[in-house]
PDB file of all heavy atoms in Angstrom:
ATOM      1  N   ILE A   1     -38.407  28.500 -68.051  1.00  0.00           N
ATOM      2  CA  ILE A   1     -38.664  29.046 -66.713  1.00  0.00           C
ATOM      3  C   ILE A   1     -37.475  29.874 -66.252  1.00  0.00           C
ATOM      4  O   ILE A   1     -37.623  30.999 -65.732  1.00  0.00           O
ATOM      5  CB  ILE A   1     -38.972  27.904 -65.727  1.00  0.00           C
ATOM      6  CG1 ILE A   1     -40.315  27.240 -66.090  1.00  0.00           C
ATOM      7  CG2 ILE A   1     -39.005  28.415 -64.290  1.00  0.00           C
ATOM      8  CD1 ILE A   1     -40.612  25.982 -65.319  1.00  0.00           C
ATOM      9  N   ILE A   2     -36.275  29.312 -66.472  1.00  0.00           N
ATOM     10  CA  ILE A   2     -35.066  30.049 -66.066  1.00  0.00           C
ATOM     11  C   ILE A   2     -34.946  31.355 -66.855  1.00  0.00           C
ATOM     12  O   ILE A   2     -34.598  32.419 -66.306  1.00  0.00           O
ATOM     13  CB  ILE A   2     -33.821  29.166 -66.260  1.00  0.00           C
ATOM     14  CG1 ILE A   2     -33.873  27.974 -65.264  1.00  0.00           C
ATOM     15  CG2 ILE A   2     -32.548  29.968 -66.051  1.00  0.00           C
ATOM     16  CD1 ILE A   2     -32.798  26.943 -65.480  1.00  0.00           C
ATOM     17  N   THR A   3     -35.242  31.313 -68.171  1.00  0.00           N
ATOM     18  CA  THR A   3     -35.167  32.526 -69.013  1.00  0.00           C
ATOM     19  C   THR A   3     -36.149  33.576 -68.543  1.00  0.00           C
ATOM     20  O   THR A   3     -35.815  34.775 -68.438  1.00  0.00           O
ATOM     21  CB  THR A   3     -35.442  32.156 -70.477  1.00  0.00           C
ATOM     22  OG1 THR A   3     -34.479  31.169 -70.885  1.00  0.00           O
ATOM     23  CG2 THR A   3     -35.327  33.372 -71.381  1.00  0.00           C
ATOM     24  N   LEU A   4     -37.371  33.136 -68.241  1.00  0.00           N
ATOM     25  CA  LEU A   4     -38.377  34.079 -67.754  1.00  0.00           C
ATOM     26  C   LEU A   4     -37.955  34.698 -66.440  1.00  0.00           C
ATOM     27  O   LEU A   4     -38.119  35.916 -66.220  1.00  0.00           O
ATOM     28  CB  LEU A   4     -39.722  33.369 -67.607  1.00  0.00           C
ATOM     29  CG  LEU A   4     -40.407  32.938 -68.917  1.00  0.00           C
ATOM     30  CD1 LEU A   4     -41.673  32.142 -68.610  1.00  0.00           C
ATOM     31  CD2 LEU A   4     -40.745  34.177 -69.772  1.00  0.00           C
ATOM     32  N   VAL A   5     -37.411  33.857 -65.587  1.00  0.00           N
ATOM     33  CA  VAL A   5     -36.945  34.391 -64.304  1.00  0.00           C
ATOM     34  C   VAL A   5     -35.819  35.396 -64.536  1.00  0.00           C
ATOM     35  O   VAL A   5     -35.774  36.484 -63.931  1.00  0.00           O
ATOM     36  CB  VAL A   5     -36.494  33.235 -63.384  1.00  0.00           C
ATOM     37  CG1 VAL A   5     -35.820  33.794 -62.127  1.00  0.00           C
ATOM     38  CG2 VAL A   5     -37.694  32.377 -62.984  1.00  0.00           C
ATOM     39  N   GLN A   6     -34.904  35.029 -65.433  1.00  0.00           N
ATOM     40  CA  GLN A   6     -33.776  35.917 -65.710  1.00  0.00           C
ATOM     41  C   GLN A   6     -34.239  37.242 -66.328  1.00  0.00           C
ATOM     42  O   GLN A   6     -33.780  38.329 -65.946  1.00  0.00           O
ATOM     43  CB  GLN A   6     -32.798  35.208 -66.665  1.00  0.00           C
ATOM     44  CG  GLN A   6     -31.535  36.002 -66.966  1.00  0.00           C
ATOM     45  CD  GLN A   6     -30.654  36.168 -65.743  1.00  0.00           C
ATOM     46  OE1 GLN A   6     -30.529  35.248 -64.957  1.00  0.00           O
ATOM     47  NE2 GLN A   6     -30.052  37.346 -65.577  1.00  0.00           N
ATOM     48  N   LEU A   7     -35.175  37.154 -67.319  1.00  0.00           N
ATOM     49  CA  LEU A   7     -35.683  38.373 -67.968  1.00  0.00           C
ATOM     50  C   LEU A   7     -36.441  39.241 -66.978  1.00  0.00           C
ATOM     51  O   LEU A   7     -36.332  40.473 -66.992  1.00  0.00           O
ATOM     52  CB  LEU A   7     -36.577  37.998 -69.147  1.00  0.00           C
ATOM     53  CG  LEU A   7     -35.858  37.322 -70.334  1.00  0.00           C
ATOM     54  CD1 LEU A   7     -36.863  36.907 -71.390  1.00  0.00           C
ATOM     55  CD2 LEU A   7     -34.804  38.265 -70.941  1.00  0.00           C
ATOM     56  N   THR A   8     -37.213  38.593 -66.143  1.00  0.00           N
ATOM     57  CA  THR A   8     -37.938  39.366 -65.120  1.00  0.00           C
ATOM     58  C   THR A   8     -36.970  40.077 -64.203  1.00  0.00           C
ATOM     59  O   THR A   8     -37.150  41.255 -63.847  1.00  0.00           O
ATOM     60  CB  THR A   8     -38.848  38.432 -64.304  1.00  0.00           C
ATOM     61  OG1 THR A   8     -39.734  37.756 -65.195  1.00  0.00           O
ATOM     62  CG2 THR A   8     -39.655  39.196 -63.282  1.00  0.00           C
ATOM     63  N   TRP A   9     -35.943  39.359 -63.842  1.00  0.00           N
ATOM     64  CA  TRP A   9     -34.933  39.976 -62.974  1.00  0.00           C
ATOM     65  C   TRP A   9     -34.249  41.153 -63.678  1.00  0.00           C
ATOM     66  O   TRP A   9     -34.079  42.217 -63.097  1.00  0.00           O
ATOM     67  CB  TRP A   9     -33.924  38.907 -62.551  1.00  0.00           C
ATOM     68  CG  TRP A   9     -32.750  39.455 -61.799  1.00  0.00           C
ATOM     69  CD1 TRP A   9     -31.523  39.749 -62.285  1.00  0.00           C
ATOM     70  CD2 TRP A   9     -32.726  39.814 -60.419  1.00  0.00           C
ATOM     71  NE1 TRP A   9     -30.703  40.255 -61.313  1.00  0.00           N
ATOM     72  CE2 TRP A   9     -31.434  40.301 -60.126  1.00  0.00           C
ATOM     73  CE3 TRP A   9     -33.685  39.776 -59.398  1.00  0.00           C
ATOM     74  CZ2 TRP A   9     -31.070  40.730 -58.854  1.00  0.00           C
ATOM     75  CZ3 TRP A   9     -33.291  40.200 -58.143  1.00  0.00           C
ATOM     76  CH2 TRP A   9     -32.011  40.673 -57.866  1.00  0.00           C
ATOM     77  N   ASP A  10     -33.860  40.960 -64.950  1.00  0.00           N
ATOM     78  CA  ASP A  10     -33.204  42.030 -65.708  1.00  0.00           C
ATOM     79  C   ASP A  10     -34.136  43.229 -65.909  1.00  0.00           C
ATOM     80  O   ASP A  10     -33.710  44.391 -65.843  1.00  0.00           O
ATOM     81  CB  ASP A  10     -32.732  41.511 -67.069  1.00  0.00           C
ATOM     82  CG  ASP A  10     -31.605  40.504 -66.920  1.00  0.00           C
ATOM     83  OD1 ASP A  10     -30.967  40.465 -65.837  1.00  0.00           O
ATOM     84  OD2 ASP A  10     -31.361  39.714 -67.856  1.00  0.00           O
ATOM     85  N   PHE A  11     -35.428  42.921 -66.167  1.00  0.00           N
ATOM     86  CA  PHE A  11     -36.407  44.000 -66.353  1.00  0.00           C
ATOM     87  C   PHE A  11     -36.517  44.837 -65.088  1.00  0.00           C
ATOM     88  O   PHE A  11     -36.505  46.083 -65.141  1.00  0.00           O
ATOM     89  CB  PHE A  11     -37.757  43.405 -66.741  1.00  0.00           C
ATOM     90  CG  PHE A  11     -38.841  44.417 -66.874  1.00  0.00           C
ATOM     91  CD1 PHE A  11     -38.906  45.266 -67.995  1.00  0.00           C
ATOM     92  CD2 PHE A  11     -39.809  44.566 -65.880  1.00  0.00           C
ATOM     93  CE1 PHE A  11     -39.912  46.211 -68.088  1.00  0.00           C
ATOM     94  CE2 PHE A  11     -40.801  45.504 -65.991  1.00  0.00           C
ATOM     95  CZ  PHE A  11     -40.870  46.339 -67.100  1.00  0.00           C
ATOM     96  N   LYS A  12     -36.578  44.201 -63.991  1.00  0.00           N
ATOM     97  CA  LYS A  12     -36.676  44.937 -62.736  1.00  0.00           C
ATOM     98  C   LYS A  12     -35.412  45.742 -62.491  1.00  0.00           C
ATOM     99  O   LYS A  12     -35.458  46.885 -61.995  1.00  0.00           O
ATOM    100  CB  LYS A  12     -36.921  43.962 -61.570  1.00  0.00           C
ATOM    101  CG  LYS A  12     -38.329  43.379 -61.569  1.00  0.00           C
ATOM    102  CD  LYS A  12     -38.535  42.495 -60.365  1.00  0.00           C
ATOM    103  CE  LYS A  12     -39.955  41.952 -60.323  1.00  0.00           C
ATOM    104  NZ  LYS A  12     -40.184  41.090 -59.126  1.00  0.00           N
ATOM    105  N   GLN A  13     -34.270  45.156 -62.846  1.00  0.00           N
ATOM    106  CA  GLN A  13     -33.018  45.890 -62.668  1.00  0.00           C
ATOM    107  C   GLN A  13     -32.980  47.153 -63.557  1.00  0.00           C
ATOM    108  O   GLN A  13     -32.567  48.237 -63.105  1.00  0.00           O
ATOM    109  CB  GLN A  13     -31.826  44.960 -63.006  1.00  0.00           C
ATOM    110  CG  GLN A  13     -31.614  43.819 -62.002  1.00  0.00           C
ATOM    111  CD  GLN A  13     -31.207  44.326 -60.640  1.00  0.00           C
ATOM    112  OE1 GLN A  13     -30.471  45.326 -60.510  1.00  0.00           O
ATOM    113  NE2 GLN A  13     -31.704  43.659 -59.598  1.00  0.00           N
ATOM    114  N   ASP A  14     -33.423  47.005 -64.826  1.00  0.00           N
ATOM    115  CA  ASP A  14     -33.444  48.178 -65.725  1.00  0.00           C
ATOM    116  C   ASP A  14     -34.408  49.246 -65.225  1.00  0.00           C
ATOM    117  O   ASP A  14     -34.116  50.458 -65.273  1.00  0.00           O
ATOM    118  CB  ASP A  14     -33.815  47.740 -67.147  1.00  0.00           C
ATOM    119  CG  ASP A  14     -32.706  46.908 -67.772  1.00  0.00           C
ATOM    120  OD1 ASP A  14     -31.552  47.000 -67.291  1.00  0.00           O
ATOM    121  OD2 ASP A  14     -32.988  46.143 -68.721  1.00  0.00           O
ATOM    122  N   VAL A  15     -35.589  48.820 -64.797  1.00  0.00           N
ATOM    123  CA  VAL A  15     -36.566  49.783 -64.274  1.00  0.00           C
ATOM    124  C   VAL A  15     -36.004  50.480 -63.046  1.00  0.00           C
ATOM    125  O   VAL A  15     -36.162  51.696 -62.863  1.00  0.00           O
ATOM    126  CB  VAL A  15     -37.890  49.069 -63.965  1.00  0.00           C
ATOM    127  CG1 VAL A  15     -38.836  50.008 -63.233  1.00  0.00           C
ATOM    128  CG2 VAL A  15     -38.545  48.573 -65.255  1.00  0.00           C
ATOM    129  N   ASN A  16     -35.318  49.734 -62.215  1.00  0.00           N
ATOM    130  CA  ASN A  16     -34.718  50.344 -61.021  1.00  0.00           C
ATOM    131  C   ASN A  16     -33.658  51.373 -61.417  1.00  0.00           C
ATOM    132  O   ASN A  16     -33.515  52.425 -60.782  1.00  0.00           O
ATOM    133  CB  ASN A  16     -34.107  49.255 -60.142  1.00  0.00           C
ATOM    134  CG  ASN A  16     -35.177  48.406 -59.458  1.00  0.00           C
ATOM    135  OD1 ASN A  16     -36.304  48.886 -59.252  1.00  0.00           O
ATOM    136  ND2 ASN A  16     -34.849  47.182 -59.112  1.00  0.00           N
ATOM    137  N   LYS A  17     -32.891  51.049 -62.495  1.00  0.00           N
ATOM    138  CA  LYS A  17     -31.876  52.011 -62.945  1.00  0.00           C
ATOM    139  C   LYS A  17     -32.523  53.305 -63.432  1.00  0.00           C
ATOM    140  O   LYS A  17     -32.037  54.412 -63.146  1.00  0.00           O
ATOM    141  CB  LYS A  17     -31.046  51.395 -64.066  1.00  0.00           C
ATOM    142  CG  LYS A  17     -30.070  50.328 -63.588  1.00  0.00           C
ATOM    143  CD  LYS A  17     -29.263  49.786 -64.758  1.00  0.00           C
ATOM    144  CE  LYS A  17     -28.290  48.710 -64.291  1.00  0.00           C
ATOM    145  NZ  LYS A  17     -27.503  48.181 -65.426  1.00  0.00           N
ATOM    146  N   ILE A  18     -33.623  53.171 -64.182  1.00  0.00           N
ATOM    147  CA  ILE A  18     -34.326  54.368 -64.665  1.00  0.00           C
ATOM    148  C   ILE A  18     -34.837  55.179 -63.485  1.00  0.00           C
ATOM    149  O   ILE A  18     -34.712  56.416 -63.438  1.00  0.00           O
ATOM    150  CB  ILE A  18     -35.467  53.968 -65.619  1.00  0.00           C
ATOM    151  CG1 ILE A  18     -34.886  53.322 -66.889  1.00  0.00           C
ATOM    152  CG2 ILE A  18     -36.339  55.158 -65.970  1.00  0.00           C
ATOM    153  CD1 ILE A  18     -35.936  52.726 -67.805  1.00  0.00           C
ATOM    154  N   GLU A  19     -35.425  54.478 -62.527  1.00  0.00           N
ATOM    155  CA  GLU A  19     -35.948  55.188 -61.361  1.00  0.00           C
ATOM    156  C   GLU A  19     -34.815  55.836 -60.575  1.00  0.00           C
ATOM    157  O   GLU A  19     -34.965  56.934 -60.021  1.00  0.00           O
ATOM    158  CB  GLU A  19     -36.728  54.203 -60.480  1.00  0.00           C
ATOM    159  CG  GLU A  19     -38.039  53.762 -61.129  1.00  0.00           C
ATOM    160  CD  GLU A  19     -38.769  52.757 -60.266  1.00  0.00           C
ATOM    161  OE1 GLU A  19     -38.174  52.285 -59.262  1.00  0.00           O
ATOM    162  OE2 GLU A  19     -39.941  52.415 -60.576  1.00  0.00           O
ATOM    163  N   GLU A  20     -33.660  55.179 -60.514  1.00  0.00           N
ATOM    164  CA  GLU A  20     -32.512  55.791 -59.842  1.00  0.00           C
ATOM    165  C   GLU A  20     -32.040  57.044 -60.612  1.00  0.00           C
ATOM    166  O   GLU A  20     -31.623  58.042 -60.004  1.00  0.00           O
ATOM    167  CB  GLU A  20     -31.377  54.768 -59.737  1.00  0.00           C
ATOM    168  CG  GLU A  20     -31.658  53.649 -58.718  1.00  0.00           C
ATOM    169  CD  GLU A  20     -30.557  52.622 -58.707  1.00  0.00           C
ATOM    170  OE1 GLU A  20     -29.596  52.755 -59.509  1.00  0.00           O
ATOM    171  OE2 GLU A  20     -30.655  51.647 -57.893  1.00  0.00           O
ATOM    172  N   SER A  21     -32.105  56.941 -61.960  1.00  0.00           N
ATOM    173  CA  SER A  21     -31.720  58.134 -62.768  1.00  0.00           C
ATOM    174  C   SER A  21     -32.662  59.294 -62.491  1.00  0.00           C
ATOM    175  O   SER A  21     -32.233  60.461 -62.358  1.00  0.00           O
ATOM    176  CB  SER A  21     -31.735  57.766 -64.258  1.00  0.00           C
ATOM    177  OG  SER A  21     -30.785  56.757 -64.516  1.00  0.00           O
ATOM    178  N   ILE A  22     -33.937  59.033 -62.430  1.00  0.00           N
ATOM    179  CA  ILE A  22     -34.917  60.083 -62.122  1.00  0.00           C
ATOM    180  C   ILE A  22     -34.660  60.648 -60.742  1.00  0.00           C
ATOM    181  O   ILE A  22     -34.733  61.866 -60.507  1.00  0.00           O
ATOM    182  CB  ILE A  22     -36.345  59.534 -62.262  1.00  0.00           C
ATOM    183  CG1 ILE A  22     -36.641  59.173 -63.731  1.00  0.00           C
ATOM    184  CG2 ILE A  22     -37.375  60.532 -61.753  1.00  0.00           C
ATOM    185  CD1 ILE A  22     -37.954  58.475 -63.951  1.00  0.00           C
ATOM    186  N   ALA A  23     -34.333  59.722 -59.786  1.00  0.00           N
ATOM    187  CA  ALA A  23     -34.032  60.201 -58.435  1.00  0.00           C
ATOM    188  C   ALA A  23     -32.763  61.058 -58.439  1.00  0.00           C
ATOM    189  O   ALA A  23     -32.650  62.049 -57.719  1.00  0.00           O
ATOM    190  CB  ALA A  23     -33.876  58.992 -57.495  1.00  0.00           C
ATOM    191  N   GLN A  24     -31.804  60.688 -59.281  1.00  0.00           N
ATOM    192  CA  GLN A  24     -30.571  61.485 -59.394  1.00  0.00           C
ATOM    193  C   GLN A  24     -30.866  62.865 -59.979  1.00  0.00           C
ATOM    194  O   GLN A  24     -30.261  63.859 -59.572  1.00  0.00           O
ATOM    195  CB  GLN A  24     -29.559  60.725 -60.270  1.00  0.00           C
ATOM    196  CG  GLN A  24     -28.196  61.406 -60.358  1.00  0.00           C
ATOM    197  CD  GLN A  24     -27.233  60.623 -61.235  1.00  0.00           C
ATOM    198  OE1 GLN A  24     -27.597  59.593 -61.787  1.00  0.00           O
ATOM    199  NE2 GLN A  24     -26.014  61.145 -61.367  1.00  0.00           N
ATOM    200  N   ILE A  25     -31.824  62.912 -60.955  1.00  0.00           N
ATOM    201  CA  ILE A  25     -32.233  64.209 -61.539  1.00  0.00           C
ATOM    202  C   ILE A  25     -32.810  65.098 -60.456  1.00  0.00           C
ATOM    203  O   ILE A  25     -32.528  66.298 -60.371  1.00  0.00           O
ATOM    204  CB  ILE A  25     -33.242  63.984 -62.676  1.00  0.00           C
ATOM    205  CG1 ILE A  25     -32.542  63.306 -63.863  1.00  0.00           C
ATOM    206  CG2 ILE A  25     -33.895  65.289 -63.113  1.00  0.00           C
ATOM    207  CD1 ILE A  25     -33.488  62.845 -64.942  1.00  0.00           C
ATOM    208  N   GLU A  26     -33.578  64.544 -59.585  1.00  0.00           N
ATOM    209  CA  GLU A  26     -34.210  65.325 -58.520  1.00  0.00           C
ATOM    210  C   GLU A  26     -33.172  65.935 -57.602  1.00  0.00           C
ATOM    211  O   GLU A  26     -33.285  67.083 -57.169  1.00  0.00           O
ATOM    212  CB  GLU A  26     -35.165  64.423 -57.734  1.00  0.00           C
ATOM    213  CG  GLU A  26     -35.913  65.171 -56.632  1.00  0.00           C
ATOM    214  CD  GLU A  26     -36.832  64.271 -55.855  1.00  0.00           C
ATOM    215  OE1 GLU A  26     -36.858  63.014 -56.127  1.00  0.00           O
ATOM    216  OE2 GLU A  26     -37.561  64.748 -54.956  1.00  0.00           O
TER     217      GLU A  26
END
């Protein structure tokens, strides 16, 4: 459960970074 929570959290963080990169491109 802790691993899933951690991976979910990391996944969201990575997706947010990509979206921030796209926003930076704009």
